[in-house]
Amino acid sequence: VEFHSRRLFLKEKVVEYTPKEFELLEVLIKNRNIALSREKLLELVWGYEFIGETRTVDVHIQKLRKKLGLEKRIVT
């Protein structure tokens, strides 16, 4: 992950992602080994004014896992 250029690589190939997916990934990486609630992730990535479901976090994490080839390796 190149935070400054907002580029993400997997096996030397650039991974396509949305801006929110990258923000979420950045928060998760910078807080690795820390359990963050859905509400905290919403606050950090989407901001206080977000109006919607906490399932938004689940959907974005699911998409990131798929793009990173982790959907079958991580069980929650």
Foldseek 3Di string as FASTA:
>chain_A
DDVVVLWDDAPNHTFDDDPLLSQLVVVCVVQPPDDDDLVRSCCRRVNPPDDDDSCVSVVSVCVVCVSNVNNVPDDD
